[in-house]
Amino acid sequence: MLMGLLVIWLITAIGLWLVTLLVPGIRAKSVTSLLLAAMVLGLINAFIRPLLWVLTLPLTVFTFGFFALIINAFMIKITAGIVRGFEVDSFGSALLAAIIMAVLAITGFIFLQLFLFDSVFWLQIESGNTQIRI
């Protein structure tokens, strides 16, 4: 379990590092601040984001999931407010970072599935002896 947390932390740090390279309004002054930002973002996502998701579920459903990106951008702004050396200039930069992090997460999930299991199944339905994989 500890190894899994470390892997997720490092993957988040790599994602944030890529975001600092791609988004002009986001900066990390050092590797330490980047690693600390990844840890704080992970803790915020573990404790605060689920509560916000539940409270904003109707709005998220109404916007077809787009509001989830707004919540993720808000989490990145909170992280920047907590961690010295990790700066986010505007909410627009945080939103672009949230979009990039989501694309990286989806891409990472697909590659992980391909490398570990040789295929990606988004939906698997089993009924009796019949299996349908989509």
C-alpha atoms as a PDB file:
ATOM      1  CA  MET A   1       0.000   0.000   0.000  1.00  0.00           C
ATOM      2  CA  LEU A   2       2.825   2.392   0.843  1.00  0.00           C
ATOM      3  CA  MET A   3       4.497   1.610  -2.483  1.00  0.00           C
ATOM      4  CA  GLY A   4       1.259   2.440  -4.300  1.00  0.00           C
ATOM      5  CA  LEU A   5       1.012   5.799  -2.518  1.00  0.00           C
ATOM      6  CA  LEU A   6       4.613   6.605  -3.444  1.00  0.00           C
ATOM      7  CA  VAL A   7       3.990   5.726  -7.082  1.00  0.00           C
ATOM      8  CA  ILE A   8       0.864   7.907  -7.208  1.00  0.00           C
ATOM      9  CA  TRP A   9       2.779  10.744  -5.544  1.00  0.00           C
ATOM     10  CA  LEU A  10       5.610  10.518  -8.075  1.00  0.00           C
ATOM     11  CA  ILE A  11       3.173  10.322 -10.996  1.00  0.00           C
ATOM     12  CA  THR A  12       1.377  13.402  -9.684  1.00  0.00           C
ATOM     13  CA  ALA A  13       4.722  15.190  -9.349  1.00  0.00           C
ATOM     14  CA  ILE A  14       5.628  14.286 -12.937  1.00  0.00           C
ATOM     15  CA  GLY A  15       2.220  15.533 -14.092  1.00  0.00           C
ATOM     16  CA  LEU A  16       2.709  18.814 -12.251  1.00  0.00           C
ATOM     17  CA  TRP A  17       6.194  19.135 -13.713  1.00  0.00           C
ATOM     18  CA  LEU A  18       4.778  18.700 -17.223  1.00  0.00           C
ATOM     19  CA  VAL A  19       2.112  21.283 -16.428  1.00  0.00           C
ATOM     20  CA  THR A  20       4.799  23.772 -15.353  1.00  0.00           C
ATOM     21  CA  LEU A  21       6.470  23.233 -18.728  1.00  0.00           C
ATOM     22  CA  LEU A  22       3.264  23.603 -20.762  1.00  0.00           C
ATOM     23  CA  VAL A  23       1.281  26.301 -18.941  1.00  0.00           C
ATOM     24  CA  PRO A  24       2.957  29.721 -18.753  1.00  0.00           C
ATOM     25  CA  GLY A  25       1.072  30.803 -15.608  1.00  0.00           C
ATOM     26  CA  ILE A  26       2.256  27.915 -13.419  1.00  0.00           C
ATOM     27  CA  ARG A  27       5.720  27.755 -11.884  1.00  0.00           C
ATOM     28  CA  ALA A  28       7.595  25.587  -9.416  1.00  0.00           C
ATOM     29  CA  LYS A  29      10.729  27.232  -8.027  1.00  0.00           C
ATOM     30  CA  SER A  30      12.435  23.976  -7.064  1.00  0.00           C
ATOM     31  CA  VAL A  31      12.091  20.227  -7.207  1.00  0.00           C
ATOM     32  CA  THR A  32      11.298  20.246  -3.498  1.00  0.00           C
ATOM     33  CA  SER A  33       8.398  22.650  -3.964  1.00  0.00           C
ATOM     34  CA  LEU A  34       7.151  20.522  -6.865  1.00  0.00           C
ATOM     35  CA  LEU A  35       7.252  17.342  -4.752  1.00  0.00           C
ATOM     36  CA  LEU A  36       5.601  19.151  -1.838  1.00  0.00           C
ATOM     37  CA  ALA A  37       2.905  20.508  -4.168  1.00  0.00           C
ATOM     38  CA  ALA A  38       2.241  16.965  -5.433  1.00  0.00           C
ATOM     39  CA  MET A  39       1.892  15.730  -1.857  1.00  0.00           C
ATOM     40  CA  VAL A  40      -0.421  18.583  -0.827  1.00  0.00           C
ATOM     41  CA  LEU A  41      -2.506  18.162  -3.998  1.00  0.00           C
ATOM     42  CA  GLY A  42      -2.854  14.458  -3.226  1.00  0.00           C
ATOM     43  CA  LEU A  43      -3.992  15.179   0.331  1.00  0.00           C
ATOM     44  CA  ILE A  44      -6.445  17.842  -0.841  1.00  0.00           C
ATOM     45  CA  ASN A  45      -7.795  15.451  -3.485  1.00  0.00           C
ATOM     46  CA  ALA A  46      -8.177  12.740  -0.859  1.00  0.00           C
ATOM     47  CA  PHE A  47      -9.993  14.814   1.763  1.00  0.00           C
ATOM     48  CA  ILE A  48     -11.590  17.953   0.284  1.00  0.00           C
ATOM     49  CA  ARG A  49     -12.406  17.021  -3.319  1.00  0.00           C
ATOM     50  CA  PRO A  50     -14.808  14.154  -2.486  1.00  0.00           C
ATOM     51  CA  LEU A  51     -16.878  16.500  -0.324  1.00  0.00           C
ATOM     52  CA  LEU A  52     -16.976  19.108  -3.098  1.00  0.00           C
ATOM     53  CA  TRP A  53     -17.923  16.445  -5.652  1.00  0.00           C
ATOM     54  CA  VAL A  54     -20.868  15.330  -3.542  1.00  0.00           C
ATOM     55  CA  LEU A  55     -22.022  18.895  -2.911  1.00  0.00           C
ATOM     56  CA  THR A  56     -21.783  19.839  -6.603  1.00  0.00           C
ATOM     57  CA  LEU A  57     -23.006  16.552  -8.085  1.00  0.00           C
ATOM     58  CA  PRO A  58     -26.158  18.029  -9.671  1.00  0.00           C
ATOM     59  CA  LEU A  59     -24.112  20.784 -11.310  1.00  0.00           C
ATOM     60  CA  THR A  60     -21.526  18.262 -12.513  1.00  0.00           C
ATOM     61  CA  VAL A  61     -24.247  16.077 -14.038  1.00  0.00           C
ATOM     62  CA  PHE A  62     -25.974  19.106 -15.603  1.00  0.00           C
ATOM     63  CA  THR A  63     -22.683  20.232 -17.227  1.00  0.00           C
ATOM     64  CA  PHE A  64     -21.860  16.683 -18.399  1.00  0.00           C
ATOM     65  CA  GLY A  65     -18.819  16.498 -16.122  1.00  0.00           C
ATOM     66  CA  PHE A  66     -17.265  19.832 -17.081  1.00  0.00           C
ATOM     67  CA  PHE A  67     -17.713  21.179 -13.557  1.00  0.00           C
ATOM     68  CA  ALA A  68     -15.362  18.426 -12.320  1.00  0.00           C
ATOM     69  CA  LEU A  69     -12.589  20.263 -14.177  1.00  0.00           C
ATOM     70  CA  ILE A  70     -13.547  23.436 -12.328  1.00  0.00           C
ATOM     71  CA  ILE A  71     -13.241  21.580  -9.025  1.00  0.00           C
ATOM     72  CA  ASN A  72      -9.851  20.188 -10.052  1.00  0.00           C
ATOM     73  CA  ALA A  73      -8.674  23.682 -11.036  1.00  0.00           C
ATOM     74  CA  PHE A  74      -9.842  24.939  -7.648  1.00  0.00           C
ATOM     75  CA  MET A  75      -7.804  22.186  -5.953  1.00  0.00           C
ATOM     76  CA  ILE A  76      -4.700  23.300  -7.891  1.00  0.00           C
ATOM     77  CA  LYS A  77      -5.295  26.926  -6.800  1.00  0.00           C
ATOM     78  CA  ILE A  78      -5.642  25.802  -3.170  1.00  0.00           C
ATOM     79  CA  THR A  79      -2.380  23.878  -3.489  1.00  0.00           C
ATOM     80  CA  ALA A  80      -0.632  26.966  -4.850  1.00  0.00           C
ATOM     81  CA  GLY A  81      -1.942  28.958  -1.889  1.00  0.00           C
ATOM     82  CA  ILE A  82      -0.523  26.450   0.588  1.00  0.00           C
ATOM     83  CA  VAL A  83       2.852  25.543  -0.953  1.00  0.00           C
ATOM     84  CA  ARG A  84       5.557  28.179  -1.146  1.00  0.00           C
ATOM     85  CA  GLY A  85       7.445  27.979  -4.398  1.00  0.00           C
ATOM     86  CA  PHE A  86       4.497  26.608  -6.366  1.00  0.00           C
ATOM     87  CA  GLU A  87       2.705  29.472  -8.088  1.00  0.00           C
ATOM     88  CA  VAL A  88      -0.452  29.667 -10.180  1.00  0.00           C
ATOM     89  CA  ASP A  89      -1.097  33.102 -11.681  1.00  0.00           C
ATOM     90  CA  SER A  90      -4.776  32.817 -12.579  1.00  0.00           C
ATOM     91  CA  PHE A  91      -7.767  30.521 -12.443  1.00  0.00           C
ATOM     92  CA  GLY A  92      -7.473  30.136 -16.240  1.00  0.00           C
ATOM     93  CA  SER A  93      -3.979  28.709 -15.792  1.00  0.00           C
ATOM     94  CA  ALA A  94      -5.292  26.354 -13.108  1.00  0.00           C
ATOM     95  CA  LEU A  95      -8.131  25.259 -15.416  1.00  0.00           C
ATOM     96  CA  LEU A  96      -5.694  24.550 -18.250  1.00  0.00           C
ATOM     97  CA  ALA A  97      -3.539  22.617 -15.777  1.00  0.00           C
ATOM     98  CA  ALA A  98      -6.582  20.592 -14.678  1.00  0.00           C
ATOM     99  CA  ILE A  99      -7.368  19.734 -18.297  1.00  0.00           C
ATOM    100  CA  ILE A 100      -3.768  18.683 -18.969  1.00  0.00           C
ATOM    101  CA  MET A 101      -3.654  16.600 -15.765  1.00  0.00           C
ATOM    102  CA  ALA A 102      -6.923  14.885 -16.757  1.00  0.00           C
ATOM    103  CA  VAL A 103      -5.585  14.067 -20.225  1.00  0.00           C
ATOM    104  CA  LEU A 104      -2.360  12.752 -18.680  1.00  0.00           C
ATOM    105  CA  ALA A 105      -4.344  10.604 -16.231  1.00  0.00           C
ATOM    106  CA  ILE A 106      -6.500   9.110 -18.982  1.00  0.00           C
ATOM    107  CA  THR A 107      -3.466   8.500 -21.200  1.00  0.00           C
ATOM    108  CA  GLY A 108      -1.561   6.937 -18.311  1.00  0.00           C
ATOM    109  CA  PHE A 109      -4.501   4.677 -17.497  1.00  0.00           C
ATOM    110  CA  ILE A 110      -4.733   3.496 -21.111  1.00  0.00           C
ATOM    111  CA  PHE A 111      -0.994   2.811 -21.382  1.00  0.00           C
ATOM    112  CA  LEU A 112      -0.940   1.058 -18.025  1.00  0.00           C
ATOM    113  CA  GLN A 113      -3.799  -1.180 -19.131  1.00  0.00           C
ATOM    114  CA  LEU A 114      -2.124  -1.880 -22.481  1.00  0.00           C
ATOM    115  CA  PHE A 115       1.252  -2.743 -20.949  1.00  0.00           C
ATOM    116  CA  LEU A 116      -0.122  -4.841 -18.115  1.00  0.00           C
ATOM    117  CA  PHE A 117      -3.125  -6.509 -19.699  1.00  0.00           C
ATOM    118  CA  ASP A 118      -2.605  -6.226 -23.505  1.00  0.00           C
ATOM    119  CA  SER A 119      -5.974  -4.494 -23.990  1.00  0.00           C
ATOM    120  CA  VAL A 120      -8.236  -1.868 -22.523  1.00  0.00           C
ATOM    121  CA  PHE A 121     -11.830  -2.690 -21.588  1.00  0.00           C
ATOM    122  CA  TRP A 122     -13.923   0.263 -20.565  1.00  0.00           C
ATOM    123  CA  LEU A 123     -16.952  -1.910 -19.864  1.00  0.00           C
ATOM    124  CA  GLN A 124     -17.239  -5.624 -19.188  1.00  0.00           C
ATOM    125  CA  ILE A 125     -20.644  -7.265 -18.861  1.00  0.00           C
ATOM    126  CA  GLU A 126     -20.937 -10.824 -17.641  1.00  0.00           C
ATOM    127  CA  SER A 127     -24.157 -12.800 -17.685  1.00  0.00           C
ATOM    128  CA  GLY A 128     -23.984 -16.504 -17.068  1.00  0.00           C
ATOM    129  CA  ASN A 129     -21.489 -17.941 -19.568  1.00  0.00           C
ATOM    130  CA  THR A 130     -21.473 -14.869 -21.820  1.00  0.00           C
ATOM    131  CA  GLN A 131     -18.934 -12.044 -21.604  1.00  0.00           C
ATOM    132  CA  ILE A 132     -19.191  -8.794 -23.531  1.00  0.00           C
ATOM    133  CA  ARG A 133     -16.153  -6.510 -23.553  1.00  0.00           C
ATOM    134  CA  ILE A 134     -16.288  -3.010 -24.916  1.00  0.00           C
END
